[in-house]
């Protein structure tokens, strides 16, 4: 798995924003953000050839978290 620099910055930004707008649970928020991002990729990886690399981009991070960040009542979400 390869994480682009912009993706890492976006993950940190999203985690911080969610901690501010929902409940500040610190690093546990980062864990749940990462689970959300990696969930589909984990299943896709099972079907890849050995040695295949997958890249996490800023666009992927934004796409996987868009439904959480666009809702006005974020307290409904596990994140």
Protein backbone atom coordinates (compact mmCIF):
# COMPACT_ATOMS: atom_id res chain seq x y z
CA UNK A 1 0.00 0.00 0.00
CA UNK A 2 1.36 3.40 -0.97
CA UNK A 3 0.03 6.63 0.52
CA UNK A 4 0.67 9.80 -1.46
CA UNK A 5 1.82 12.78 0.62
CA UNK A 6 -1.37 14.71 -0.23
CA UNK A 7 -3.46 11.74 0.93
CA UNK A 8 -1.67 11.67 4.30
CA UNK A 9 -2.27 15.40 4.77
CA UNK A 10 -5.95 14.97 3.84
CA UNK A 11 -6.35 12.10 6.33
CA UNK A 12 -4.90 14.25 9.11
CA UNK A 13 -7.06 17.22 8.10
CA UNK A 14 -10.25 15.15 8.00
CA UNK A 15 -9.51 13.52 11.35
CA UNK A 16 -8.94 16.91 12.96
CA UNK A 17 -12.10 18.39 11.43
CA UNK A 18 -14.20 15.45 12.59
CA UNK A 19 -12.75 15.69 16.10
CA UNK A 20 -13.75 19.38 16.18
CA UNK A 21 -17.27 18.89 14.83
CA UNK A 22 -18.36 15.67 16.53
CA UNK A 23 -16.56 14.61 19.68
CA UNK A 24 -12.84 14.90 20.24
CA UNK A 25 -11.69 11.33 20.71
CA UNK A 26 -8.12 12.03 19.68
CA UNK A 27 -6.15 9.35 17.88
CA UNK A 28 -9.09 6.94 17.96
CA UNK A 29 -10.68 9.19 15.35
CA UNK A 30 -7.70 8.60 13.07
CA UNK A 31 -8.17 4.86 13.50
CA UNK A 32 -11.81 5.01 12.41
CA UNK A 33 -10.95 7.32 9.49
CA UNK A 34 -8.34 4.82 8.31
CA UNK A 35 -10.81 1.94 8.63
CA UNK A 36 -13.28 3.85 6.47
CA UNK A 37 -10.65 4.48 3.80
CA UNK A 38 -9.21 0.97 3.79
CA UNK A 39 -12.44 -1.03 4.03
CA UNK A 40 -13.09 -1.44 0.29
CA UNK A 41 -9.42 -1.59 -0.58
CA UNK A 42 -8.95 -4.58 1.73
CA UNK A 43 -11.53 -6.57 -0.20
CA UNK A 44 -10.12 -5.46 -3.56
CA UNK A 45 -6.61 -6.49 -2.51
CA UNK A 46 -7.74 -10.09 -2.05
CA UNK A 47 -8.35 -10.32 -5.80
CA UNK A 48 -5.06 -8.70 -6.87
CA UNK A 49 -2.01 -10.53 -8.11
CA UNK A 50 0.77 -11.04 -5.56
CA UNK A 51 3.11 -8.06 -5.52
CA UNK A 52 0.46 -5.62 -6.71
CA UNK A 53 0.59 -2.22 -5.03
CA UNK A 54 -2.37 0.00 -4.37
CA UNK A 55 -2.07 3.76 -4.03
CA UNK A 56 -4.16 5.90 -1.70
CA UNK A 57 -4.63 9.36 -3.17
CA UNK A 58 -6.20 12.54 -1.84
CA UNK A 59 -9.18 11.90 -4.14
CA UNK A 60 -9.73 8.44 -2.64
CA UNK A 61 -9.62 9.86 0.89
CA UNK A 62 -12.12 12.58 -0.01
CA UNK A 63 -14.40 10.10 -1.77
CA UNK A 64 -14.45 7.61 1.11
CA UNK A 65 -15.18 10.33 3.67
CA UNK A 66 -17.48 12.60 1.63
CA UNK A 67 -20.73 11.28 3.08
CA UNK A 68 -19.46 11.89 6.60
CA UNK A 69 -18.14 15.39 6.00
CA UNK A 70 -21.11 16.66 3.98
CA UNK A 71 -23.77 15.77 6.53
CA UNK A 72 -24.76 18.55 8.89
CA UNK A 73 -25.50 16.20 11.78
CA UNK A 74 -22.26 14.28 12.06
CA UNK A 75 -23.18 12.81 15.41
CA UNK A 76 -25.20 10.13 13.57
CA UNK A 77 -22.01 8.51 12.33
CA UNK A 78 -19.68 6.13 14.09
CA UNK A 79 -16.74 8.32 13.09
